[in-house]
């Protein structure tokens, strides 16, 4: 359960991992892109509309609720721009556009 999408980037091979899911990448850029998508308002909008609610805004993040959240096809320039854009409305709008979700629906 969580109240928002949370992703931790780590290159530590001996990191203790429990109670969640792990994605493994050999490309740091791809890892950061996925982190930005998981922490986006689009991801949370998806979760709020597909998952089981708990009290105080917490939602279930079980595998059966997140397994169909896809990663959009992106050009190299879109990837670069997403990596360069600081957290905020501009980046959230960019992600909404990638998923073809009107930003007004998710803000």
PDB file of N, CA and C in Angstrom:
ATOM      1  N   UNK A   1       0.848  -1.182   0.000  1.00  0.00           N
ATOM      2  CA  UNK A   1       0.000   0.000   0.000  1.00  0.00           C
ATOM      3  C   UNK A   1       0.891   1.241   0.000  1.00  0.00           C
ATOM      4  N   UNK A   2       0.373   2.259  -0.639  1.00  0.00           N
ATOM      5  CA  UNK A   2       1.114   3.521  -0.680  1.00  0.00           C
ATOM      6  C   UNK A   2       0.134   4.658  -0.926  1.00  0.00           C
ATOM      7  N   UNK A   3       0.606   5.874  -0.691  1.00  0.00           N
ATOM      8  CA  UNK A   3      -0.223   7.045  -0.957  1.00  0.00           C
ATOM      9  C   UNK A   3       0.232   7.775  -2.213  1.00  0.00           C
ATOM     10  N   UNK A   4       1.243   7.230  -2.873  1.00  0.00           N
ATOM     11  CA  UNK A   4       1.738   7.765  -4.140  1.00  0.00           C
ATOM     12  C   UNK A   4       2.711   6.739  -4.716  1.00  0.00           C
ATOM     13  N   UNK A   5       3.067   6.936  -5.989  1.00  0.00           N
ATOM     14  CA  UNK A   5       4.063   6.061  -6.592  1.00  0.00           C
ATOM     15  C   UNK A   5       5.439   6.371  -6.040  1.00  0.00           C
ATOM     16  N   UNK A   6       6.161   5.359  -5.640  1.00  0.00           N
ATOM     17  CA  UNK A   6       7.494   5.538  -5.062  1.00  0.00           C
ATOM     18  C   UNK A   6       8.460   4.594  -5.768  1.00  0.00           C
ATOM     19  N   UNK A   7       9.604   5.121  -6.171  1.00  0.00           N
ATOM     20  CA  UNK A   7      10.643   4.301  -6.787  1.00  0.00           C
ATOM     21  C   UNK A   7      11.998   4.747  -6.255  1.00  0.00           C
ATOM     22  N   UNK A   8      12.827   3.796  -5.946  1.00  0.00           N
ATOM     23  CA  UNK A   8      14.167   4.067  -5.421  1.00  0.00           C
ATOM     24  C   UNK A   8      15.177   3.557  -6.438  1.00  0.00           C
ATOM     25  N   UNK A   9      16.119   4.409  -6.805  1.00  0.00           N
ATOM     26  CA  UNK A   9      17.208   3.995  -7.689  1.00  0.00           C
ATOM     27  C   UNK A   9      18.408   3.624  -6.830  1.00  0.00           C
ATOM     28  N   UNK A  10      18.991   2.474  -7.136  1.00  0.00           N
ATOM     29  CA  UNK A  10      20.193   2.081  -6.410  1.00  0.00           C
ATOM     30  C   UNK A  10      21.093   1.258  -7.323  1.00  0.00           C
ATOM     31  N   UNK A  11      22.373   1.500  -7.199  1.00  0.00           N
ATOM     32  CA  UNK A  11      23.363   0.702  -7.925  1.00  0.00           C
ATOM     33  C   UNK A  11      24.072  -0.256  -6.966  1.00  0.00           C
ATOM     34  N   UNK A  12      23.608  -0.280  -5.728  1.00  0.00           N
ATOM     35  CA  UNK A  12      24.217  -1.103  -4.686  1.00  0.00           C
ATOM     36  C   UNK A  12      23.762  -2.559  -4.853  1.00  0.00           C
ATOM     37  N   UNK A  13      24.678  -3.433  -5.224  1.00  0.00           N
ATOM     38  CA  UNK A  13      24.329  -4.831  -5.470  1.00  0.00           C
ATOM     39  C   UNK A  13      23.967  -5.584  -4.196  1.00  0.00           C
ATOM     40  N   UNK A  14      24.446  -5.135  -3.048  1.00  0.00           N
ATOM     41  CA  UNK A  14      24.160  -5.844  -1.802  1.00  0.00           C
ATOM     42  C   UNK A  14      23.004  -5.205  -1.023  1.00  0.00           C
ATOM     43  N   UNK A  15      22.247  -4.346  -1.680  1.00  0.00           N
ATOM     44  CA  UNK A  15      21.119  -3.679  -1.039  1.00  0.00           C
ATOM     45  C   UNK A  15      20.073  -4.702  -0.584  1.00  0.00           C
ATOM     46  N   UNK A  16      19.619  -4.584   0.657  1.00  0.00           N
ATOM     47  CA  UNK A  16      18.546  -5.429   1.156  1.00  0.00           C
ATOM     48  C   UNK A  16      17.236  -4.917   0.586  1.00  0.00           C
ATOM     49  N   UNK A  17      16.487  -5.792  -0.017  1.00  0.00           N
ATOM     50  CA  UNK A  17      15.238  -5.415  -0.663  1.00  0.00           C
ATOM     51  C   UNK A  17      14.121  -6.270  -0.094  1.00  0.00           C
ATOM     52  N   UNK A  18      13.030  -5.613   0.332  1.00  0.00           N
ATOM     53  CA  UNK A  18      11.886  -6.371   0.824  1.00  0.00           C
ATOM     54  C   UNK A  18      10.613  -5.569   0.594  1.00  0.00           C
ATOM     55  N   UNK A  19       9.492  -6.269   0.580  1.00  0.00           N
ATOM     56  CA  UNK A  19       8.184  -5.628   0.550  1.00  0.00           C
ATOM     57  C   UNK A  19       7.999  -4.676  -0.622  1.00  0.00           C
ATOM     58  N   UNK A  20       8.090  -5.195  -1.812  1.00  0.00           N
ATOM     59  CA  UNK A  20       7.888  -4.375  -2.997  1.00  0.00           C
ATOM     60  C   UNK A  20       8.301  -5.123  -4.236  1.00  0.00           C
ATOM     61  N   UNK A  21       8.573  -4.401  -5.279  1.00  0.00           N
ATOM     62  CA  UNK A  21       8.976  -4.977  -6.554  1.00  0.00           C
ATOM     63  C   UNK A  21      10.309  -4.396  -6.964  1.00  0.00           C
ATOM     64  N   UNK A  22      11.059  -5.162  -7.712  1.00  0.00           N
ATOM     65  CA  UNK A  22      12.362  -4.693  -8.182  1.00  0.00           C
ATOM     66  C   UNK A  22      12.401  -4.774  -9.700  1.00  0.00           C
ATOM     67  N   UNK A  23      12.965  -3.755 -10.298  1.00  0.00           N
ATOM     68  CA  UNK A  23      13.246  -3.729 -11.730  1.00  0.00           C
ATOM     69  C   UNK A  23      14.749  -3.588 -11.856  1.00  0.00           C
ATOM     70  N   UNK A  24      15.348  -4.383 -12.712  1.00  0.00           N
ATOM     71  CA  UNK A  24      16.794  -4.354 -12.871  1.00  0.00           C
ATOM     72  C   UNK A  24      17.142  -3.847 -14.263  1.00  0.00           C
ATOM     73  N   UNK A  25      18.082  -2.907 -14.317  1.00  0.00           N
ATOM     74  CA  UNK A  25      18.499  -2.295 -15.567  1.00  0.00           C
ATOM     75  C   UNK A  25      20.013  -2.291 -15.667  1.00  0.00           C
ATOM     76  N   UNK A  26      20.499  -2.371 -16.873  1.00  0.00           N
ATOM     77  CA  UNK A  26      21.928  -2.172 -17.105  1.00  0.00           C
ATOM     78  C   UNK A  26      22.171  -0.759 -17.613  1.00  0.00           C
ATOM     79  N   UNK A  27      21.100  -0.066 -17.965  1.00  0.00           N
ATOM     80  CA  UNK A  27      21.181   1.289 -18.497  1.00  0.00           C
ATOM     81  C   UNK A  27      20.607   2.267 -17.465  1.00  0.00           C
ATOM     82  N   UNK A  28      21.456   3.147 -16.934  1.00  0.00           N
ATOM     83  CA  UNK A  28      21.027   4.109 -15.912  1.00  0.00           C
ATOM     84  C   UNK A  28      19.914   5.023 -16.410  1.00  0.00           C
ATOM     85  N   UNK A  29      19.974   5.416 -17.678  1.00  0.00           N
ATOM     86  CA  UNK A  29      18.962   6.304 -18.240  1.00  0.00           C
ATOM     87  C   UNK A  29      17.582   5.633 -18.211  1.00  0.00           C
ATOM     88  N   UNK A  30      17.529   4.379 -18.588  1.00  0.00           N
ATOM     89  CA  UNK A  30      16.255   3.653 -18.589  1.00  0.00           C
ATOM     90  C   UNK A  30      15.701   3.530 -17.165  1.00  0.00           C
ATOM     91  N   UNK A  31      16.584   3.295 -16.206  1.00  0.00           N
ATOM     92  CA  UNK A  31      16.158   3.186 -14.809  1.00  0.00           C
ATOM     93  C   UNK A  31      15.547   4.510 -14.335  1.00  0.00           C
ATOM     94  N   UNK A  32      16.170   5.609 -14.667  1.00  0.00           N
ATOM     95  CA  UNK A  32      15.659   6.920 -14.254  1.00  0.00           C
ATOM     96  C   UNK A  32      14.341   7.233 -14.958  1.00  0.00           C
ATOM     97  N   UNK A  33      14.213   6.870 -16.223  1.00  0.00           N
ATOM     98  CA  UNK A  33      12.956   7.094 -16.939  1.00  0.00           C
ATOM     99  C   UNK A  33      11.800   6.344 -16.279  1.00  0.00           C
ATOM    100  N   UNK A  34      12.017   5.088 -15.949  1.00  0.00           N
ATOM    101  CA  UNK A  34      10.969   4.295 -15.292  1.00  0.00           C
ATOM    102  C   UNK A  34      10.619   4.890 -13.939  1.00  0.00           C
ATOM    103  N   UNK A  35      11.615   5.323 -13.197  1.00  0.00           N
ATOM    104  CA  UNK A  35      11.369   5.971 -11.901  1.00  0.00           C
ATOM    105  C   UNK A  35      10.462   7.184 -12.083  1.00  0.00           C
ATOM    106  N   UNK A  36      10.733   7.999 -13.076  1.00  0.00           N
ATOM    107  CA  UNK A  36       9.917   9.199 -13.315  1.00  0.00           C
ATOM    108  C   UNK A  36       8.483   8.825 -13.684  1.00  0.00           C
ATOM    109  N   UNK A  37       8.301   7.754 -14.440  1.00  0.00           N
ATOM    110  CA  UNK A  37       6.949   7.326 -14.797  1.00  0.00           C
ATOM    111  C   UNK A  37       6.196   6.801 -13.577  1.00  0.00           C
ATOM    112  N   UNK A  38       6.866   6.019 -12.740  1.00  0.00           N
ATOM    113  CA  UNK A  38       6.226   5.452 -11.547  1.00  0.00           C
ATOM    114  C   UNK A  38       5.852   6.548 -10.554  1.00  0.00           C
ATOM    115  N   UNK A  39       6.633   7.593 -10.475  1.00  0.00           N
ATOM    116  CA  UNK A  39       6.358   8.677  -9.536  1.00  0.00           C
ATOM    117  C   UNK A  39       5.454   9.759 -10.129  1.00  0.00           C
ATOM    118  N   UNK A  40       4.965   9.536 -11.334  1.00  0.00           N
ATOM    119  CA  UNK A  40       4.155  10.554 -12.006  1.00  0.00           C
ATOM    120  C   UNK A  40       2.693  10.527 -11.579  1.00  0.00           C
ATOM    121  N   UNK A  41       1.997  11.615 -11.885  1.00  0.00           N
ATOM    122  CA  UNK A  41       0.562  11.703 -11.625  1.00  0.00           C
ATOM    123  C   UNK A  41      -0.210  10.758 -12.523  1.00  0.00           C
ATOM    124  N   UNK A  42       0.307  10.467 -13.709  1.00  0.00           N
ATOM    125  CA  UNK A  42      -0.353   9.510 -14.608  1.00  0.00           C
ATOM    126  C   UNK A  42      -0.396   8.128 -13.967  1.00  0.00           C
ATOM    127  N   UNK A  43       0.730   7.702 -13.388  1.00  0.00           N
ATOM    128  CA  UNK A  43       0.755   6.403 -12.720  1.00  0.00           C
ATOM    129  C   UNK A  43      -0.245   6.374 -11.568  1.00  0.00           C
ATOM    130  N   UNK A  44      -0.272   7.432 -10.776  1.00  0.00           N
ATOM    131  CA  UNK A  44      -1.187   7.453  -9.629  1.00  0.00           C
ATOM    132  C   UNK A  44      -2.645   7.516 -10.087  1.00  0.00           C
ATOM    133  N   UNK A  45      -2.910   8.209 -11.163  1.00  0.00           N
ATOM    134  CA  UNK A  45      -4.257   8.229 -11.746  1.00  0.00           C
ATOM    135  C   UNK A  45      -4.658   6.811 -12.153  1.00  0.00           C
ATOM    136  N   UNK A  46      -3.744   6.112 -12.786  1.00  0.00           N
ATOM    137  CA  UNK A  46      -3.989   4.717 -13.184  1.00  0.00           C
ATOM    138  C   UNK A  46      -4.289   3.854 -11.956  1.00  0.00           C
ATOM    139  N   UNK A  47      -3.481   3.973 -10.934  1.00  0.00           N
ATOM    140  CA  UNK A  47      -3.666   3.186  -9.707  1.00  0.00           C
ATOM    141  C   UNK A  47      -5.013   3.507  -9.065  1.00  0.00           C
ATOM    142  N   UNK A  48      -5.348   4.784  -8.964  1.00  0.00           N
ATOM    143  CA  UNK A  48      -6.613   5.173  -8.330  1.00  0.00           C
ATOM    144  C   UNK A  48      -7.824   4.634  -9.092  1.00  0.00           C
ATOM    145  N   UNK A  49      -7.658   4.353 -10.378  1.00  0.00           N
ATOM    146  CA  UNK A  49      -8.763   3.873 -11.187  1.00  0.00           C
ATOM    147  C   UNK A  49      -8.751   2.369 -11.433  1.00  0.00           C
ATOM    148  N   UNK A  50      -7.739   1.679 -10.939  1.00  0.00           N
ATOM    149  CA  UNK A  50      -7.672   0.228 -11.146  1.00  0.00           C
ATOM    150  C   UNK A  50      -7.448  -0.560  -9.859  1.00  0.00           C
ATOM    151  N   UNK A  51      -7.049   0.098  -8.802  1.00  0.00           N
ATOM    152  CA  UNK A  51      -6.616  -0.574  -7.585  1.00  0.00           C
ATOM    153  C   UNK A  51      -7.676  -0.530  -6.494  1.00  0.00           C
ATOM    154  N   UNK A  52      -7.360  -1.209  -5.419  1.00  0.00           N
ATOM    155  CA  UNK A  52      -8.240  -1.263  -4.248  1.00  0.00           C
ATOM    156  C   UNK A  52      -7.878  -0.142  -3.275  1.00  0.00           C
ATOM    157  N   UNK A  53      -8.865   0.675  -2.900  1.00  0.00           N
ATOM    158  CA  UNK A  53      -8.577   1.772  -1.967  1.00  0.00           C
ATOM    159  C   UNK A  53      -8.542   1.302  -0.511  1.00  0.00           C
ATOM    160  N   UNK A  54      -7.693   1.942   0.263  1.00  0.00           N
ATOM    161  CA  UNK A  54      -7.636   1.757   1.711  1.00  0.00           C
ATOM    162  C   UNK A  54      -7.900   3.114   2.343  1.00  0.00           C
ATOM    163  N   UNK A  55      -7.822   3.222   3.621  1.00  0.00           N
ATOM    164  CA  UNK A  55      -8.134   4.486   4.277  1.00  0.00           C
ATOM    165  C   UNK A  55      -7.051   5.532   4.041  1.00  0.00           C
ATOM    166  N   UNK A  56      -7.435   6.789   4.209  1.00  0.00           N
ATOM    167  CA  UNK A  56      -6.555   7.954   4.139  1.00  0.00           C
ATOM    168  C   UNK A  56      -5.817   8.084   2.808  1.00  0.00           C
ATOM    169  N   UNK A  57      -6.425   7.657   1.709  1.00  0.00           N
ATOM    170  CA  UNK A  57      -5.835   7.836   0.388  1.00  0.00           C
ATOM    171  C   UNK A  57      -4.817   6.796  -0.027  1.00  0.00           C
ATOM    172  N   UNK A  58      -4.596   5.797   0.798  1.00  0.00           N
ATOM    173  CA  UNK A  58      -3.665   4.739   0.439  1.00  0.00           C
ATOM    174  C   UNK A  58      -4.331   3.786  -0.549  1.00  0.00           C
ATOM    175  N   UNK A  59      -3.531   3.283  -1.486  1.00  0.00           N
ATOM    176  CA  UNK A  59      -4.032   2.372  -2.507  1.00  0.00           C
ATOM    177  C   UNK A  59      -3.173   1.116  -2.525  1.00  0.00           C
ATOM    178  N   UNK A  60      -3.781   0.011  -2.936  1.00  0.00           N
ATOM    179  CA  UNK A  60      -3.046  -1.245  -3.074  1.00  0.00           C
ATOM    180  C   UNK A  60      -2.140  -1.161  -4.299  1.00  0.00           C
ATOM    181  N   UNK A  61      -0.936  -1.637  -4.152  1.00  0.00           N
ATOM    182  CA  UNK A  61       0.004  -1.683  -5.271  1.00  0.00           C
ATOM    183  C   UNK A  61       0.416  -3.124  -5.568  1.00  0.00           C
ATOM    184  N   UNK A  62      -0.497  -4.050  -5.352  1.00  0.00           N
ATOM    185  CA  UNK A  62      -0.230  -5.455  -5.639  1.00  0.00           C
ATOM    186  C   UNK A  62       0.013  -5.635  -7.130  1.00  0.00           C
ATOM    187  N   UNK A  63       0.745  -6.695  -7.460  1.00  0.00           N
ATOM    188  CA  UNK A  63       1.129  -6.945  -8.847  1.00  0.00           C
ATOM    189  C   UNK A  63      -0.068  -6.963  -9.793  1.00  0.00           C
ATOM    190  N   UNK A  64      -1.169  -7.546  -9.374  1.00  0.00           N
ATOM    191  CA  UNK A  64      -2.330  -7.617 -10.267  1.00  0.00           C
ATOM    192  C   UNK A  64      -2.906  -6.242 -10.584  1.00  0.00           C
ATOM    193  N   UNK A  65      -2.600  -5.222  -9.789  1.00  0.00           N
ATOM    194  CA  UNK A  65      -3.074  -3.870 -10.066  1.00  0.00           C
ATOM    195  C   UNK A  65      -2.109  -3.070 -10.951  1.00  0.00           C
ATOM    196  N   UNK A  66      -0.832  -3.370 -10.890  1.00  0.00           N
ATOM    197  CA  UNK A  66       0.136  -2.566 -11.648  1.00  0.00           C
ATOM    198  C   UNK A  66       0.665  -3.263 -12.897  1.00  0.00           C
ATOM    199  N   UNK A  67       0.387  -4.538 -13.063  1.00  0.00           N
ATOM    200  CA  UNK A  67       1.006  -5.301 -14.153  1.00  0.00           C
ATOM    201  C   UNK A  67       0.661  -4.786 -15.545  1.00  0.00           C
ATOM    202  N   UNK A  68      -0.472  -4.137 -15.724  1.00  0.00           N
ATOM    203  CA  UNK A  68      -0.862  -3.663 -17.044  1.00  0.00           C
ATOM    204  C   UNK A  68      -0.511  -2.197 -17.309  1.00  0.00           C
ATOM    205  N   UNK A  69       0.176  -1.565 -16.374  1.00  0.00           N
ATOM    206  CA  UNK A  69       0.638  -0.195 -16.618  1.00  0.00           C
ATOM    207  C   UNK A  69       1.849  -0.280 -17.535  1.00  0.00           C
ATOM    208  N   UNK A  70       1.708   0.228 -18.742  1.00  0.00           N
ATOM    209  CA  UNK A  70       2.770   0.102 -19.729  1.00  0.00           C
ATOM    210  C   UNK A  70       3.701   1.295 -19.760  1.00  0.00           C
ATOM    211  N   UNK A  71       4.756   1.131 -20.512  1.00  0.00           N
ATOM    212  CA  UNK A  71       5.714   2.202 -20.755  1.00  0.00           C
ATOM    213  C   UNK A  71       5.520   2.639 -22.201  1.00  0.00           C
ATOM    214  N   UNK A  72       5.247   3.920 -22.418  1.00  0.00           N
ATOM    215  CA  UNK A  72       4.990   4.382 -23.787  1.00  0.00           C
ATOM    216  C   UNK A  72       6.256   4.357 -24.647  1.00  0.00           C
ATOM    217  N   UNK A  73       6.052   4.193 -25.937  1.00  0.00           N
ATOM    218  CA  UNK A  73       7.177   4.334 -26.860  1.00  0.00           C
ATOM    219  C   UNK A  73       7.625   5.787 -26.838  1.00  0.00           C
ATOM    220  N   UNK A  74       8.932   5.985 -26.757  1.00  0.00           N
ATOM    221  CA  UNK A  74       9.486   7.338 -26.724  1.00  0.00           C
ATOM    222  C   UNK A  74      10.653   7.434 -27.687  1.00  0.00           C
ATOM    223  N   UNK A  75      10.742   8.561 -28.339  1.00  0.00           N
ATOM    224  CA  UNK A  75      11.911   8.833 -29.168  1.00  0.00           C
ATOM    225  C   UNK A  75      13.080   9.172 -28.251  1.00  0.00           C
ATOM    226  N   UNK A  76      14.272   9.155 -28.803  1.00  0.00           N
ATOM    227  CA  UNK A  76      15.448   9.531 -28.011  1.00  0.00           C
ATOM    228  C   UNK A  76      15.337  10.966 -27.502  1.00  0.00           C
ATOM    229  N   UNK A  77      14.787  11.851 -28.326  1.00  0.00           N
ATOM    230  CA  UNK A  77      14.658  13.252 -27.891  1.00  0.00           C
ATOM    231  C   UNK A  77      13.624  13.386 -26.783  1.00  0.00           C
ATOM    232  N   UNK A  78      12.552  12.603 -26.823  1.00  0.00           N
ATOM    233  CA  UNK A  78      11.563  12.636 -25.738  1.00  0.00           C
ATOM    234  C   UNK A  78      12.179  12.109 -24.441  1.00  0.00           C
ATOM    235  N   UNK A  79      12.959  11.056 -24.544  1.00  0.00           N
ATOM    236  CA  UNK A  79      13.632  10.507 -23.358  1.00  0.00           C
ATOM    237  C   UNK A  79      14.566  11.544 -22.746  1.00  0.00           C
ATOM    238  N   UNK A  80      15.368  12.175 -23.599  1.00  0.00           N
ATOM    239  CA  UNK A  80      16.315  13.188 -23.121  1.00  0.00           C
ATOM    240  C   UNK A  80      15.590  14.339 -22.434  1.00  0.00           C
ATOM    241  N   UNK A  81      14.501  14.804 -23.056  1.00  0.00           N
ATOM    242  CA  UNK A  81      13.746  15.919 -22.496  1.00  0.00           C
ATOM    243  C   UNK A  81      13.121  15.538 -21.152  1.00  0.00           C
ATOM    244  N   UNK A  82      12.604  14.326 -21.050  1.00  0.00           N
ATOM    245  CA  UNK A  82      12.019  13.861 -19.791  1.00  0.00           C
ATOM    246  C   UNK A  82      13.076  13.777 -18.693  1.00  0.00           C
ATOM    247  N   UNK A  83      14.277  13.381 -19.049  1.00  0.00           N
ATOM    248  CA  UNK A  83      15.368  13.309 -18.073  1.00  0.00           C
ATOM    249  C   UNK A  83      15.859  14.694 -17.657  1.00  0.00           C
ATOM    250  N   UNK A  84      15.811  15.644 -18.575  1.00  0.00           N
ATOM    251  CA  UNK A  84      16.322  16.989 -18.296  1.00  0.00           C
ATOM    252  C   UNK A  84      15.323  17.879 -17.575  1.00  0.00           C
ATOM    253  N   UNK A  85      14.039  17.546 -17.644  1.00  0.00           N
ATOM    254  CA  UNK A  85      13.004  18.401 -17.068  1.00  0.00           C
ATOM    255  C   UNK A  85      12.857  18.141 -15.576  1.00  0.00           C
ATOM    256  N   UNK A  86      12.935  19.216 -14.809  1.00  0.00           N
ATOM    257  CA  UNK A  86      12.798  19.112 -13.359  1.00  0.00           C
ATOM    258  C   UNK A  86      11.375  18.698 -12.968  1.00  0.00           C
ATOM    259  N   UNK A  87      11.243  18.164 -11.770  1.00  0.00           N
ATOM    260  CA  UNK A  87       9.938  17.756 -11.260  1.00  0.00           C
ATOM    261  C   UNK A  87       9.004  18.959 -11.224  1.00  0.00           C
ATOM    262  N   UNK A  88       7.770  18.756 -11.632  1.00  0.00           N
ATOM    263  CA  UNK A  88       6.787  19.827 -11.625  1.00  0.00           C
ATOM    264  C   UNK A  88       5.779  19.660 -12.742  1.00  0.00           C
ATOM    265  N   UNK A  89       4.969  20.696 -12.938  1.00  0.00           N
ATOM    266  CA  UNK A  89       3.889  20.635 -13.921  1.00  0.00           C
ATOM    267  C   UNK A  89       4.375  20.354 -15.341  1.00  0.00           C
ATOM    268  N   UNK A  90       5.472  20.960 -15.731  1.00  0.00           N
ATOM    269  CA  UNK A  90       5.958  20.760 -17.103  1.00  0.00           C
ATOM    270  C   UNK A  90       6.256  19.284 -17.371  1.00  0.00           C
ATOM    271  N   UNK A  91       6.935  18.638 -16.432  1.00  0.00           N
ATOM    272  CA  UNK A  91       7.245  17.212 -16.594  1.00  0.00           C
ATOM    273  C   UNK A  91       5.978  16.368 -16.526  1.00  0.00           C
ATOM    274  N   UNK A  92       5.063  16.714 -15.632  1.00  0.00           N
ATOM    275  CA  UNK A  92       3.813  15.964 -15.527  1.00  0.00           C
ATOM    276  C   UNK A  92       2.993  16.078 -16.815  1.00  0.00           C
ATOM    277  N   UNK A  93       2.966  17.261 -17.415  1.00  0.00           N
ATOM    278  CA  UNK A  93       2.258  17.453 -18.684  1.00  0.00           C
ATOM    279  C   UNK A  93       2.905  16.625 -19.786  1.00  0.00           C
ATOM    280  N   UNK A  94       4.218  16.585 -19.777  1.00  0.00           N
ATOM    281  CA  UNK A  94       4.958  15.812 -20.763  1.00  0.00           C
ATOM    282  C   UNK A  94       4.601  14.322 -20.659  1.00  0.00           C
ATOM    283  N   UNK A  95       4.555  13.812 -19.442  1.00  0.00           N
ATOM    284  CA  UNK A  95       4.215  12.404 -19.230  1.00  0.00           C
ATOM    285  C   UNK A  95       2.764  12.153 -19.620  1.00  0.00           C
ATOM    286  N   UNK A  96       1.872  13.054 -19.270  1.00  0.00           N
ATOM    287  CA  UNK A  96       0.465  12.912 -19.663  1.00  0.00           C
ATOM    288  C   UNK A  96       0.338  12.846 -21.182  1.00  0.00           C
ATOM    289  N   UNK A  97       1.088  13.678 -21.883  1.00  0.00           N
ATOM    290  CA  UNK A  97       1.068  13.653 -23.350  1.00  0.00           C
ATOM    291  C   UNK A  97       1.558  12.313 -23.888  1.00  0.00           C
ATOM    292  N   UNK A  98       2.603  11.759 -23.273  1.00  0.00           N
ATOM    293  CA  UNK A  98       3.114  10.458 -23.717  1.00  0.00           C
ATOM    294  C   UNK A  98       2.048   9.367 -23.602  1.00  0.00           C
ATOM    295  N   UNK A  99       1.236   9.465 -22.548  1.00  0.00           N
ATOM    296  CA  UNK A  99       0.182   8.469 -22.317  1.00  0.00           C
ATOM    297  C   UNK A  99      -1.155   8.868 -22.958  1.00  0.00           C
ATOM    298  N   UNK A 100      -1.159  10.036 -23.598  1.00  0.00           N
ATOM    299  CA  UNK A 100      -2.371  10.559 -24.239  1.00  0.00           C
ATOM    300  C   UNK A 100      -3.524  10.690 -23.238  1.00  0.00           C
ATOM    301  N   UNK A 101      -3.173  11.213 -22.078  1.00  0.00           N
ATOM    302  CA  UNK A 101      -4.151  11.480 -21.018  1.00  0.00           C
ATOM    303  C   UNK A 101      -4.227  12.995 -20.855  1.00  0.00           C
ATOM    304  N   UNK A 102      -5.420  13.569 -20.930  1.00  0.00           N
ATOM    305  CA  UNK A 102      -5.526  15.027 -20.716  1.00  0.00           C
ATOM    306  C   UNK A 102      -5.010  15.400 -19.326  1.00  0.00           C
ATOM    307  N   UNK A 103      -4.109  16.361 -19.268  1.00  0.00           N
ATOM    308  CA  UNK A 103      -3.488  16.743 -18.003  1.00  0.00           C
ATOM    309  C   UNK A 103      -4.541  17.183 -16.983  1.00  0.00           C
ATOM    310  N   UNK A 104      -5.605  17.813 -17.438  1.00  0.00           N
ATOM    311  CA  UNK A 104      -6.655  18.277 -16.538  1.00  0.00           C
ATOM    312  C   UNK A 104      -7.287  17.120 -15.756  1.00  0.00           C
ATOM    313  N   UNK A 105      -7.268  15.913 -16.308  1.00  0.00           N
ATOM    314  CA  UNK A 105      -7.852  14.744 -15.629  1.00  0.00           C
ATOM    315  C   UNK A 105      -7.008  14.276 -14.455  1.00  0.00           C
ATOM    316  N   UNK A 106      -5.718  14.556 -14.488  1.00  0.00           N
ATOM    317  CA  UNK A 106      -4.829  13.968 -13.481  1.00  0.00           C
ATOM    318  C   UNK A 106      -4.288  14.950 -12.454  1.00  0.00           C
ATOM    319  N   UNK A 107      -4.445  16.259 -12.686  1.00  0.00           N
ATOM    320  CA  UNK A 107      -3.812  17.192 -11.745  1.00  0.00           C
ATOM    321  C   UNK A 107      -4.571  17.373 -10.477  1.00  0.00           C
TER     322      UNK A 107
END
